Amino acid sequence: MEKDGGIATKAGTAHSLQTEKSSNQPPAAEGRLVSLDFFRGVTMFMLIGESTGLYERLRDPALKGTLLGALGWQLEHHPWNGLHCWDLVQPFFMFIVGVAMPFSIGKRWERGDSWSKTFHHALSRSSLLLFFGWALYCIGPGHLTFELWNVLAQLSFTYLVAFLMMRKPARVQLGFTFGLLVATELLYRFWPVAGFNQPFVADHGFGAWVDLAIMGKLSDGHWVVFNAVPTTAHTMWGVLAGQVLKSTRAPWQKIRMLAVAGAIGVVAGYSLNPLTPIIKRICTSSFVIVSGGWCLLALVLSYWLIDVIGLKKW
């Protein structure tokens, strides 16, 4: 995840700012989508484990060739082309935000709040996320810095866009997300500026050009602020998944819909890898699709375990 230092703090900030409690689930869920709390909690525990240094200990050379050692290497970002388990944490987080939106914002609309009022509410939250995303890294060696590579800054964008699209038909929302991925693909492949026209080479693509234009510098880890655009799909797919879970469909219908969509995403994302490499650090379209598929499957598993078979003593 971009700017891993202090990641648990960032997650807690975003959680308190905008993943409002999902309190509008049908009576079968006792007024609450408990599975979303479970999914969020597991993701938070993963972040806390990283902040304690646990995963670094698992990558000790002495554990090489062991199951723990293999797990340790999965719990760090892939250096470039490929996908590790840890690369899914930020997509999980942004997806969870989207799943919560039909419940939290939908509740506001159901109680009579106008679109204008809820828009100002969403804009306020987006602005706070952007502020905290900047403030967490604003102090450099003896001076203030301007960096927008972290998850809160990007979430401020994806959250607001997802809100603006919420009342559109599902097919329009879905089409919009794929439009973002196509636009990202075209910009990276056909950007004409010399030195930044190598789409899948670190620091030599469109995203690096944007960073230099906006912030005047590049990330040491090759992250790019433009990642906020393609990863808007994660938050919007979360909204669509939340709308499915909030619907009156039978639980097994919901599971089937989301599981099929997730499986398609995983297969399609990996299949695209020879054409468009799966690269988390610049959020290529193949990465967004495959990680979105894993997000859906993780949500399905959580929903089945917690809200369907009732495994709630955790």
C-alpha atoms as a PDB file:
ATOM      1  CA  MET A   1       0.000   0.000   0.000  1.00  0.00           C
ATOM      2  CA  GLU A   2       1.227   3.500  -0.740  1.00  0.00           C
ATOM      3  CA  LYS A   3       3.258   4.981   2.088  1.00  0.00           C
ATOM      4  CA  ASP A   4       3.098   2.034   4.449  1.00  0.00           C
ATOM      5  CA  GLY A   5       4.483   3.890   7.473  1.00  0.00           C
ATOM      6  CA  GLY A   6       1.738   4.555  10.029  1.00  0.00           C
ATOM      7  CA  ILE A   7      -0.713   2.541   8.001  1.00  0.00           C
ATOM      8  CA  ALA A   8      -2.806   1.434  10.946  1.00  0.00           C
ATOM      9  CA  THR A   9      -3.250   5.066  11.961  1.00  0.00           C
ATOM     10  CA  LYS A  10      -4.410   5.954   8.470  1.00  0.00           C
ATOM     11  CA  ALA A  11      -6.844   3.076   8.420  1.00  0.00           C
ATOM     12  CA  GLY A  12      -8.295   4.108  11.756  1.00  0.00           C
ATOM     13  CA  THR A  13      -8.679   7.692  10.564  1.00  0.00           C
ATOM     14  CA  ALA A  14     -10.497   6.687   7.405  1.00  0.00           C
ATOM     15  CA  HIS A  15     -12.656   4.224   9.315  1.00  0.00           C
ATOM     16  CA  SER A  16     -13.820   6.909  11.725  1.00  0.00           C
ATOM     17  CA  LEU A  17     -14.312   9.465   8.960  1.00  0.00           C
ATOM     18  CA  GLN A  18     -16.305   7.642   6.381  1.00  0.00           C
ATOM     19  CA  THR A  19     -17.087   3.958   6.817  1.00  0.00           C
ATOM     20  CA  GLU A  20     -20.263   4.713   8.725  1.00  0.00           C
ATOM     21  CA  LYS A  21     -22.032   1.880  10.461  1.00  0.00           C
ATOM     22  CA  SER A  22     -24.126  -0.173   8.077  1.00  0.00           C
ATOM     23  CA  SER A  23     -27.468   0.074   9.824  1.00  0.00           C
ATOM     24  CA  ASN A  24     -30.055  -0.537   7.134  1.00  0.00           C
ATOM     25  CA  GLN A  25     -29.807  -4.283   6.454  1.00  0.00           C
ATOM     26  CA  PRO A  26     -33.099  -6.222   6.344  1.00  0.00           C
ATOM     27  CA  PRO A  27     -34.322  -7.775   9.613  1.00  0.00           C
ATOM     28  CA  ALA A  28     -32.644 -11.099   8.821  1.00  0.00           C
ATOM     29  CA  ALA A  29     -29.344  -9.409   9.561  1.00  0.00           C
ATOM     30  CA  GLU A  30     -30.750  -7.890  12.753  1.00  0.00           C
ATOM     31  CA  GLY A  31     -30.425  -4.369  11.390  1.00  0.00           C
ATOM     32  CA  ARG A  32     -26.743  -4.657  10.569  1.00  0.00           C
ATOM     33  CA  LEU A  33     -24.460  -6.118   7.915  1.00  0.00           C
ATOM     34  CA  VAL A  34     -22.237  -7.837  10.445  1.00  0.00           C
ATOM     35  CA  SER A  35     -20.183  -9.509   7.722  1.00  0.00           C
ATOM     36  CA  LEU A  36     -18.937  -6.101   6.589  1.00  0.00           C
ATOM     37  CA  ASP A  37     -17.735  -5.352  10.123  1.00  0.00           C
ATOM     38  CA  PHE A  38     -15.968  -8.725  10.087  1.00  0.00           C
ATOM     39  CA  PHE A  39     -14.336  -8.041   6.705  1.00  0.00           C
ATOM     40  CA  ARG A  40     -13.267  -4.598   7.881  1.00  0.00           C
ATOM     41  CA  GLY A  41     -11.923  -6.006  11.137  1.00  0.00           C
ATOM     42  CA  VAL A  42      -9.818  -8.655   9.392  1.00  0.00           C
ATOM     43  CA  THR A  43      -8.372  -5.977   7.118  1.00  0.00           C
ATOM     44  CA  MET A  44      -7.579  -3.763  10.105  1.00  0.00           C
ATOM     45  CA  PHE A  45      -5.829  -6.640  11.880  1.00  0.00           C
ATOM     46  CA  MET A  46      -3.696  -7.187   8.784  1.00  0.00           C
ATOM     47  CA  LEU A  47      -2.688  -3.529   8.911  1.00  0.00           C
ATOM     48  CA  ILE A  48      -1.919  -3.718  12.618  1.00  0.00           C
ATOM     49  CA  GLY A  49       0.243  -6.800  12.064  1.00  0.00           C
ATOM     50  CA  GLU A  50       2.307  -4.850   9.543  1.00  0.00           C
ATOM     51  CA  SER A  51       2.729  -1.863  11.851  1.00  0.00           C
ATOM     52  CA  THR A  52       4.070  -4.092  14.660  1.00  0.00           C
ATOM     53  CA  GLY A  53       6.875  -5.441  12.476  1.00  0.00           C
ATOM     54  CA  LEU A  54       5.509  -9.002  12.639  1.00  0.00           C
ATOM     55  CA  TYR A  55       5.650  -9.558   8.892  1.00  0.00           C
ATOM     56  CA  GLU A  56       9.248  -8.391   8.701  1.00  0.00           C
ATOM     57  CA  ARG A  57      10.155 -11.041  11.256  1.00  0.00           C
ATOM     58  CA  LEU A  58       8.480 -13.671   9.075  1.00  0.00           C
ATOM     59  CA  ARG A  59      10.791 -12.636   6.235  1.00  0.00           C
ATOM     60  CA  ASP A  60      13.879 -13.501   8.277  1.00  0.00           C
ATOM     61  CA  PRO A  61      16.335 -15.442   6.048  1.00  0.00           C
ATOM     62  CA  ALA A  62      16.358 -18.175   8.693  1.00  0.00           C
ATOM     63  CA  LEU A  63      12.743 -18.959   7.766  1.00  0.00           C
ATOM     64  CA  LYS A  64      13.450 -19.256   4.049  1.00  0.00           C
ATOM     65  CA  GLY A  65      11.918 -22.420   2.614  1.00  0.00           C
ATOM     66  CA  THR A  66       9.399 -22.764   5.447  1.00  0.00           C
ATOM     67  CA  LEU A  67       5.659 -22.145   5.424  1.00  0.00           C
ATOM     68  CA  LEU A  68       6.104 -19.127   7.702  1.00  0.00           C
ATOM     69  CA  GLY A  69       8.771 -17.749   5.406  1.00  0.00           C
ATOM     70  CA  ALA A  70       6.500 -18.112   2.376  1.00  0.00           C
ATOM     71  CA  LEU A  71       3.729 -16.353   4.290  1.00  0.00           C
ATOM     72  CA  GLY A  72       6.100 -13.535   5.190  1.00  0.00           C
ATOM     73  CA  TRP A  73       6.929 -12.848   1.545  1.00  0.00           C
ATOM     74  CA  GLN A  74       3.217 -12.781   0.709  1.00  0.00           C
ATOM     75  CA  LEU A  75       2.802 -10.081   3.346  1.00  0.00           C
ATOM     76  CA  GLU A  76       4.793  -7.436   1.503  1.00  0.00           C
ATOM     77  CA  HIS A  77       4.174  -5.656  -1.783  1.00  0.00           C
ATOM     78  CA  HIS A  78       5.332  -7.349  -4.943  1.00  0.00           C
ATOM     79  CA  PRO A  79       8.343  -5.381  -6.247  1.00  0.00           C
ATOM     80  CA  TRP A  80       6.714  -4.826  -9.654  1.00  0.00           C
ATOM     81  CA  ASN A  81       4.944  -7.304 -11.969  1.00  0.00           C
ATOM     82  CA  GLY A  82       2.972  -9.802  -9.913  1.00  0.00           C
ATOM     83  CA  LEU A  83       0.517 -10.035  -7.046  1.00  0.00           C
ATOM     84  CA  HIS A  84       1.116 -10.756  -3.368  1.00  0.00           C
ATOM     85  CA  CYS A  85      -1.544 -11.080  -0.686  1.00  0.00           C
ATOM     86  CA  TRP A  86      -0.413  -7.765   0.802  1.00  0.00           C
ATOM     87  CA  ASP A  87      -1.199  -6.027  -2.491  1.00  0.00           C
ATOM     88  CA  LEU A  88      -4.880  -6.702  -1.795  1.00  0.00           C
ATOM     89  CA  VAL A  89      -5.093  -4.760   1.465  1.00  0.00           C
ATOM     90  CA  GLN A  90      -5.640  -1.331  -0.061  1.00  0.00           C
ATOM     91  CA  PRO A  91      -8.201  -2.661  -2.584  1.00  0.00           C
ATOM     92  CA  PHE A  92      -9.987  -4.387   0.325  1.00  0.00           C
ATOM     93  CA  PHE A  93     -10.059  -1.137   2.270  1.00  0.00           C
ATOM     94  CA  MET A  94     -11.363   0.973  -0.634  1.00  0.00           C
ATOM     95  CA  PHE A  95     -13.882  -1.712  -1.598  1.00  0.00           C
ATOM     96  CA  ILE A  96     -15.218  -1.932   1.975  1.00  0.00           C
ATOM     97  CA  VAL A  97     -15.805   1.816   1.910  1.00  0.00           C
ATOM     98  CA  GLY A  98     -17.947   1.359  -1.179  1.00  0.00           C
ATOM     99  CA  VAL A  99     -19.939  -1.546   0.278  1.00  0.00           C
ATOM    100  CA  ALA A 100     -20.876   0.601   3.287  1.00  0.00           C
ATOM    101  CA  MET A 101     -22.122   3.527   1.198  1.00  0.00           C
ATOM    102  CA  PRO A 102     -25.538   2.152   0.128  1.00  0.00           C
ATOM    103  CA  PHE A 103     -26.286   1.511   3.801  1.00  0.00           C
ATOM    104  CA  SER A 104     -24.966   4.712   5.367  1.00  0.00           C
ATOM    105  CA  ILE A 105     -25.861   7.175   2.611  1.00  0.00           C
ATOM    106  CA  GLY A 106     -28.967   5.219   1.650  1.00  0.00           C
ATOM    107  CA  LYS A 107     -30.198   5.599   5.216  1.00  0.00           C
ATOM    108  CA  ARG A 108     -29.853   9.380   4.914  1.00  0.00           C
ATOM    109  CA  TRP A 109     -31.924   9.415   1.735  1.00  0.00           C
ATOM    110  CA  GLU A 110     -34.547   7.128   3.250  1.00  0.00           C
ATOM    111  CA  ARG A 111     -35.031   9.464   6.200  1.00  0.00           C
ATOM    112  CA  GLY A 112     -35.649  12.346   3.808  1.00  0.00           C
ATOM    113  CA  ASP A 113     -32.275  14.075   3.419  1.00  0.00           C
ATOM    114  CA  SER A 114     -31.982  15.862   0.080  1.00  0.00           C
ATOM    115  CA  TRP A 115     -29.323  15.024  -2.495  1.00  0.00           C
ATOM    116  CA  SER A 116     -27.783  18.444  -1.870  1.00  0.00           C
ATOM    117  CA  LYS A 117     -27.505  17.798   1.865  1.00  0.00           C
ATOM    118  CA  THR A 118     -25.925  14.386   1.401  1.00  0.00           C
ATOM    119  CA  PHE A 119     -23.587  15.790  -1.245  1.00  0.00           C
ATOM    120  CA  HIS A 120     -22.292  18.395   1.195  1.00  0.00           C
ATOM    121  CA  HIS A 121     -21.870  15.622   3.766  1.00  0.00           C
ATOM    122  CA  ALA A 122     -19.874  13.534   1.263  1.00  0.00           C
ATOM    123  CA  LEU A 123     -17.837  16.541   0.157  1.00  0.00           C
ATOM    124  CA  SER A 124     -16.970  17.332   3.769  1.00  0.00           C
ATOM    125  CA  ARG A 125     -15.773  13.784   4.392  1.00  0.00           C
ATOM    126  CA  SER A 126     -13.823  13.754   1.151  1.00  0.00           C
ATOM    127  CA  SER A 127     -12.132  17.030   2.103  1.00  0.00           C
ATOM    128  CA  LEU A 128     -11.192  15.690   5.531  1.00  0.00           C
ATOM    129  CA  LEU A 129      -9.740  12.541   3.999  1.00  0.00           C
ATOM    130  CA  LEU A 130      -7.667  14.647   1.619  1.00  0.00           C
ATOM    131  CA  PHE A 131      -6.478  16.878   4.456  1.00  0.00           C
ATOM    132  CA  PHE A 132      -5.424  13.967   6.662  1.00  0.00           C
ATOM    133  CA  GLY A 133      -3.877  12.230   3.668  1.00  0.00           C
ATOM    134  CA  TRP A 134      -1.655  15.264   3.182  1.00  0.00           C
ATOM    135  CA  ALA A 135      -1.109  16.041   6.887  1.00  0.00           C
ATOM    136  CA  LEU A 136       0.236  12.568   7.718  1.00  0.00           C
ATOM    137  CA  TYR A 137       3.251  13.206   5.485  1.00  0.00           C
ATOM    138  CA  CYS A 138       3.476  16.986   5.360  1.00  0.00           C
ATOM    139  CA  ILE A 139       6.588  17.316   7.522  1.00  0.00           C
ATOM    140  CA  GLY A 140       9.868  16.575   5.783  1.00  0.00           C
ATOM    141  CA  PRO A 141      13.425  17.179   6.994  1.00  0.00           C
ATOM    142  CA  GLY A 142      13.091  20.771   8.165  1.00  0.00           C
ATOM    143  CA  HIS A 143      10.269  21.752   5.798  1.00  0.00           C
ATOM    144  CA  LEU A 144       6.700  21.036   4.762  1.00  0.00           C
ATOM    145  CA  THR A 145       6.158  18.621   1.895  1.00  0.00           C
ATOM    146  CA  PHE A 146       3.277  18.015  -0.485  1.00  0.00           C
ATOM    147  CA  GLU A 147       2.629  14.321  -1.118  1.00  0.00           C
ATOM    148  CA  LEU A 148      -0.583  12.586  -2.170  1.00  0.00           C
ATOM    149  CA  TRP A 149       0.549   8.981  -2.569  1.00  0.00           C
ATOM    150  CA  ASN A 150      -1.157   7.552   0.512  1.00  0.00           C
ATOM    151  CA  VAL A 151      -4.472   5.747   0.688  1.00  0.00           C
ATOM    152  CA  LEU A 152      -6.422   8.525   2.438  1.00  0.00           C
ATOM    153  CA  ALA A 153      -5.668  11.073  -0.274  1.00  0.00           C
ATOM    154  CA  GLN A 154      -6.709   8.609  -2.952  1.00  0.00           C
ATOM    155  CA  LEU A 155      -9.789   7.531  -1.029  1.00  0.00           C
ATOM    156  CA  SER A 156     -10.936  11.158  -0.862  1.00  0.00           C
ATOM    157  CA  PHE A 157     -11.224  11.069  -4.657  1.00  0.00           C
ATOM    158  CA  THR A 158     -12.707   7.588  -5.078  1.00  0.00           C
ATOM    159  CA  TYR A 159     -15.285   8.166  -2.319  1.00  0.00           C
ATOM    160  CA  LEU A 160     -16.577  11.386  -3.856  1.00  0.00           C
ATOM    161  CA  VAL A 161     -16.778   9.952  -7.373  1.00  0.00           C
ATOM    162  CA  ALA A 162     -18.577   6.850  -6.076  1.00  0.00           C
ATOM    163  CA  PHE A 163     -21.078   9.090  -4.282  1.00  0.00           C
ATOM    164  CA  LEU A 164     -21.751  11.122  -7.428  1.00  0.00           C
ATOM    165  CA  MET A 165     -22.477   7.913  -9.363  1.00  0.00           C
ATOM    166  CA  MET A 166     -24.564   6.149  -6.696  1.00  0.00           C
ATOM    167  CA  ARG A 167     -27.982   6.987  -8.109  1.00  0.00           C
ATOM    168  CA  LYS A 168     -27.092   5.917 -11.619  1.00  0.00           C
ATOM    169  CA  PRO A 169     -28.323   2.523 -12.879  1.00  0.00           C
ATOM    170  CA  ALA A 170     -25.971  -0.365 -12.114  1.00  0.00           C
ATOM    171  CA  ARG A 171     -25.069  -0.805 -15.778  1.00  0.00           C
ATOM    172  CA  VAL A 172     -24.058   2.873 -15.975  1.00  0.00           C
ATOM    173  CA  GLN A 173     -21.928   2.584 -12.835  1.00  0.00           C
ATOM    174  CA  LEU A 174     -20.264  -0.557 -14.151  1.00  0.00           C
ATOM    175  CA  GLY A 175     -19.686   0.975 -17.568  1.00  0.00           C
ATOM    176  CA  PHE A 176     -18.164   4.057 -15.951  1.00  0.00           C
ATOM    177  CA  THR A 177     -15.631   1.965 -14.022  1.00  0.00           C
ATOM    178  CA  PHE A 178     -14.506   0.137 -17.141  1.00  0.00           C
ATOM    179  CA  GLY A 179     -14.317   3.483 -18.910  1.00  0.00           C
ATOM    180  CA  LEU A 180     -11.836   4.625 -16.252  1.00  0.00           C
ATOM    181  CA  LEU A 181      -9.744   1.504 -16.812  1.00  0.00           C
ATOM    182  CA  VAL A 182      -9.768   1.948 -20.591  1.00  0.00           C
ATOM    183  CA  ALA A 183      -8.805   5.615 -20.213  1.00  0.00           C
ATOM    184  CA  THR A 184      -5.949   4.646 -17.884  1.00  0.00           C
ATOM    185  CA  GLU A 185      -4.759   2.009 -20.328  1.00  0.00           C
ATOM    186  CA  LEU A 186      -4.789   4.433 -23.260  1.00  0.00           C
ATOM    187  CA  LEU A 187      -3.023   7.215 -21.360  1.00  0.00           C
ATOM    188  CA  TYR A 188      -0.217   4.899 -20.276  1.00  0.00           C
ATOM    189  CA  ARG A 189       0.188   3.274 -23.679  1.00  0.00           C
ATOM    190  CA  PHE A 190      -0.020   6.357 -25.879  1.00  0.00           C
ATOM    191  CA  TRP A 191       1.274   9.254 -23.761  1.00  0.00           C
ATOM    192  CA  PRO A 192       3.537  11.087 -26.222  1.00  0.00           C
ATOM    193  CA  VAL A 193       5.983  12.831 -23.860  1.00  0.00           C
ATOM    194  CA  ALA A 194       9.526  11.522 -24.312  1.00  0.00           C
ATOM    195  CA  GLY A 195      10.861   9.832 -21.196  1.00  0.00           C
ATOM    196  CA  PHE A 196       7.337   9.059 -19.994  1.00  0.00           C
ATOM    197  CA  ASN A 197       6.084   6.941 -22.886  1.00  0.00           C
ATOM    198  CA  GLN A 198       7.142   3.563 -21.499  1.00  0.00           C
ATOM    199  CA  PRO A 199       3.866   2.407 -19.948  1.00  0.00           C
ATOM    200  CA  PHE A 200       5.091  -0.392 -17.697  1.00  0.00           C
ATOM    201  CA  VAL A 201       8.575   0.840 -16.773  1.00  0.00           C
ATOM    202  CA  ALA A 202       8.938   2.305 -13.276  1.00  0.00           C
ATOM    203  CA  ASP A 203       9.107   6.128 -13.244  1.00  0.00           C
ATOM    204  CA  HIS A 204       8.841   6.349 -17.033  1.00  0.00           C
ATOM    205  CA  GLY A 205       5.089   6.227 -17.594  1.00  0.00           C
ATOM    206  CA  PHE A 206       2.143   8.599 -17.619  1.00  0.00           C
ATOM    207  CA  GLY A 207       1.664   8.344 -13.850  1.00  0.00           C
ATOM    208  CA  ALA A 208       5.223   9.507 -13.194  1.00  0.00           C
ATOM    209  CA  TRP A 209       4.678  12.473 -15.523  1.00  0.00           C
ATOM    210  CA  VAL A 210       1.552  13.451 -13.550  1.00  0.00           C
ATOM    211  CA  ASP A 211       3.474  13.261 -10.257  1.00  0.00           C
ATOM    212  CA  LEU A 212       6.182  15.574 -11.550  1.00  0.00           C
ATOM    213  CA  ALA A 213       3.549  17.977 -12.854  1.00  0.00           C
ATOM    214  CA  ILE A 214       1.578  18.054  -9.585  1.00  0.00           C
ATOM    215  CA  MET A 215       4.192  17.503  -6.870  1.00  0.00           C
ATOM    216  CA  GLY A 216       7.489  18.039  -8.657  1.00  0.00           C
ATOM    217  CA  LYS A 217       8.903  14.700  -7.495  1.00  0.00           C
ATOM    218  CA  LEU A 218       8.578  10.944  -7.780  1.00  0.00           C
ATOM    219  CA  SER A 219       7.880   8.322  -5.128  1.00  0.00           C
ATOM    220  CA  ASP A 220      10.803   6.213  -3.945  1.00  0.00           C
ATOM    221  CA  GLY A 221       8.503   3.188  -4.154  1.00  0.00           C
ATOM    222  CA  HIS A 222       7.286   4.054  -7.690  1.00  0.00           C
ATOM    223  CA  TRP A 223       3.727   4.802  -6.504  1.00  0.00           C
ATOM    224  CA  VAL A 224       1.763   7.356  -8.520  1.00  0.00           C
ATOM    225  CA  VAL A 225      -1.033   9.691  -7.463  1.00  0.00           C
ATOM    226  CA  PHE A 226      -2.955   8.874 -10.653  1.00  0.00           C
ATOM    227  CA  ASN A 227      -3.728   5.506  -9.045  1.00  0.00           C
ATOM    228  CA  ALA A 228      -6.773   7.255  -7.566  1.00  0.00           C
ATOM    229  CA  VAL A 229      -8.417   7.188 -10.999  1.00  0.00           C
ATOM    230  CA  PRO A 230      -8.325   3.449 -11.829  1.00  0.00           C
ATOM    231  CA  THR A 231      -8.875   2.417  -8.196  1.00  0.00           C
ATOM    232  CA  THR A 232     -12.117   4.382  -8.178  1.00  0.00           C
ATOM    233  CA  ALA A 233     -13.382   1.121  -9.659  1.00  0.00           C
ATOM    234  CA  HIS A 234     -12.730  -0.654  -6.346  1.00  0.00           C
ATOM    235  CA  THR A 235     -14.926   1.768  -4.403  1.00  0.00           C
ATOM    236  CA  MET A 236     -17.639   1.776  -7.061  1.00  0.00           C
ATOM    237  CA  TRP A 237     -17.655  -2.013  -7.301  1.00  0.00           C
ATOM    238  CA  GLY A 238     -18.057  -1.975  -3.539  1.00  0.00           C
ATOM    239  CA  VAL A 239     -21.110   0.267  -3.948  1.00  0.00           C
ATOM    240  CA  LEU A 240     -22.602  -2.171  -6.459  1.00  0.00           C
ATOM    241  CA  ALA A 241     -21.900  -5.103  -4.137  1.00  0.00           C
ATOM    242  CA  GLY A 242     -23.484  -3.203  -1.256  1.00  0.00           C
ATOM    243  CA  GLN A 243     -26.572  -2.557  -3.358  1.00  0.00           C
ATOM    244  CA  VAL A 244     -26.829  -6.285  -4.057  1.00  0.00           C
ATOM    245  CA  LEU A 245     -26.510  -7.141  -0.356  1.00  0.00           C
ATOM    246  CA  LYS A 246     -29.072  -4.487   0.557  1.00  0.00           C
ATOM    247  CA  SER A 247     -31.588  -5.799  -1.971  1.00  0.00           C
ATOM    248  CA  THR A 248     -34.482  -8.137  -1.177  1.00  0.00           C
ATOM    249  CA  ARG A 249     -32.890 -11.028  -3.072  1.00  0.00           C
ATOM    250  CA  ALA A 250     -32.481 -14.313  -1.235  1.00  0.00           C
ATOM    251  CA  PRO A 251     -29.062 -14.742   0.427  1.00  0.00           C
ATOM    252  CA  TRP A 252     -28.009 -17.501  -1.962  1.00  0.00           C
ATOM    253  CA  GLN A 253     -28.919 -15.326  -4.948  1.00  0.00           C
ATOM    254  CA  LYS A 254     -26.680 -12.593  -3.561  1.00  0.00           C
ATOM    255  CA  ILE A 255     -23.860 -15.052  -2.974  1.00  0.00           C
ATOM    256  CA  ARG A 256     -24.169 -16.478  -6.471  1.00  0.00           C
ATOM    257  CA  MET A 257     -24.173 -13.056  -8.151  1.00  0.00           C
ATOM    258  CA  LEU A 258     -21.171 -11.751  -6.245  1.00  0.00           C
ATOM    259  CA  ALA A 259     -19.206 -15.012  -6.416  1.00  0.00           C
ATOM    260  CA  VAL A 260     -19.632 -15.274 -10.189  1.00  0.00           C
ATOM    261  CA  ALA A 261     -18.594 -11.643 -10.632  1.00  0.00           C
ATOM    262  CA  GLY A 262     -15.580 -12.187  -8.376  1.00  0.00           C
ATOM    263  CA  ALA A 263     -14.480 -15.330 -10.186  1.00  0.00           C
ATOM    264  CA  ILE A 264     -14.787 -13.575 -13.545  1.00  0.00           C
ATOM    265  CA  GLY A 265     -12.655 -10.712 -12.223  1.00  0.00           C
ATOM    266  CA  VAL A 266      -9.909 -13.010 -10.932  1.00  0.00           C
ATOM    267  CA  VAL A 267      -9.748 -15.071 -14.134  1.00  0.00           C
ATOM    268  CA  ALA A 268      -9.924 -12.016 -16.397  1.00  0.00           C
ATOM    269  CA  GLY A 269      -7.272 -10.129 -14.436  1.00  0.00           C
ATOM    270  CA  TYR A 270      -4.749 -12.948 -14.510  1.00  0.00           C
ATOM    271  CA  SER A 271      -5.540 -13.614 -18.179  1.00  0.00           C
ATOM    272  CA  LEU A 272      -4.739  -9.997 -19.046  1.00  0.00           C
ATOM    273  CA  ASN A 273      -1.287 -10.201 -17.428  1.00  0.00           C
ATOM    274  CA  PRO A 274       0.598 -11.101 -20.648  1.00  0.00           C
ATOM    275  CA  LEU A 275      -0.940  -8.057 -22.357  1.00  0.00           C
ATOM    276  CA  THR A 276      -1.076  -5.600 -19.464  1.00  0.00           C
ATOM    277  CA  PRO A 277       1.189  -6.611 -16.556  1.00  0.00           C
ATOM    278  CA  ILE A 278      -0.365  -6.856 -13.096  1.00  0.00           C
ATOM    279  CA  ILE A 279       1.413  -3.983 -11.339  1.00  0.00           C
ATOM    280  CA  LYS A 280       0.069  -2.721  -8.020  1.00  0.00           C
ATOM    281  CA  ARG A 281       2.407   0.269  -7.825  1.00  0.00           C
ATOM    282  CA  ILE A 282       0.848   1.933 -10.877  1.00  0.00           C
ATOM    283  CA  CYS A 283      -2.527   0.166 -10.596  1.00  0.00           C
ATOM    284  CA  THR A 284      -2.709  -1.220 -14.113  1.00  0.00           C
ATOM    285  CA  SER A 285      -6.111  -2.286 -15.407  1.00  0.00           C
ATOM    286  CA  SER A 286      -5.231  -5.967 -14.963  1.00  0.00           C
ATOM    287  CA  PHE A 287      -4.306  -5.316 -11.322  1.00  0.00           C
ATOM    288  CA  VAL A 288      -7.541  -3.439 -10.644  1.00  0.00           C
ATOM    289  CA  ILE A 289      -9.626  -6.204 -12.210  1.00  0.00           C
ATOM    290  CA  VAL A 290      -7.915  -9.143 -10.488  1.00  0.00           C
ATOM    291  CA  SER A 291      -7.838  -7.412  -7.100  1.00  0.00           C
ATOM    292  CA  GLY A 292     -11.474  -6.375  -7.542  1.00  0.00           C
ATOM    293  CA  GLY A 293     -12.315 -10.029  -8.108  1.00  0.00           C
ATOM    294  CA  TRP A 294     -10.553 -11.014  -4.893  1.00  0.00           C
ATOM    295  CA  CYS A 295     -12.440  -8.230  -3.061  1.00  0.00           C
ATOM    296  CA  LEU A 296     -15.760  -9.681  -4.180  1.00  0.00           C
ATOM    297  CA  LEU A 297     -14.775 -13.224  -3.221  1.00  0.00           C
ATOM    298  CA  ALA A 298     -13.576 -12.080   0.212  1.00  0.00           C
ATOM    299  CA  LEU A 299     -16.885 -10.272   0.748  1.00  0.00           C
ATOM    300  CA  VAL A 300     -18.836 -13.356  -0.330  1.00  0.00           C
ATOM    301  CA  LEU A 301     -16.899 -15.538   2.114  1.00  0.00           C
ATOM    302  CA  SER A 302     -17.498 -13.050   4.939  1.00  0.00           C
ATOM    303  CA  TYR A 303     -21.209 -12.756   4.123  1.00  0.00           C
ATOM    304  CA  TRP A 304     -21.649 -16.530   3.953  1.00  0.00           C
ATOM    305  CA  LEU A 305     -19.788 -17.181   7.203  1.00  0.00           C
ATOM    306  CA  ILE A 306     -21.292 -14.368   9.262  1.00  0.00           C
ATOM    307  CA  ASP A 307     -24.704 -13.395   7.894  1.00  0.00           C
ATOM    308  CA  VAL A 308     -25.832 -16.660   6.295  1.00  0.00           C
ATOM    309  CA  ILE A 309     -24.633 -19.523   8.490  1.00  0.00           C
ATOM    310  CA  GLY A 310     -24.439 -17.258  11.545  1.00  0.00           C
ATOM    311  CA  LEU A 311     -20.830 -17.671  12.653  1.00  0.00           C
ATOM    312  CA  LYS A 312     -20.831 -14.569  14.850  1.00  0.00           C
ATOM    313  CA  LYS A 313     -18.983 -15.631  18.005  1.00  0.00           C
ATOM    314  CA  TRP A 314     -15.726 -13.935  17.030  1.00  0.00           C
END
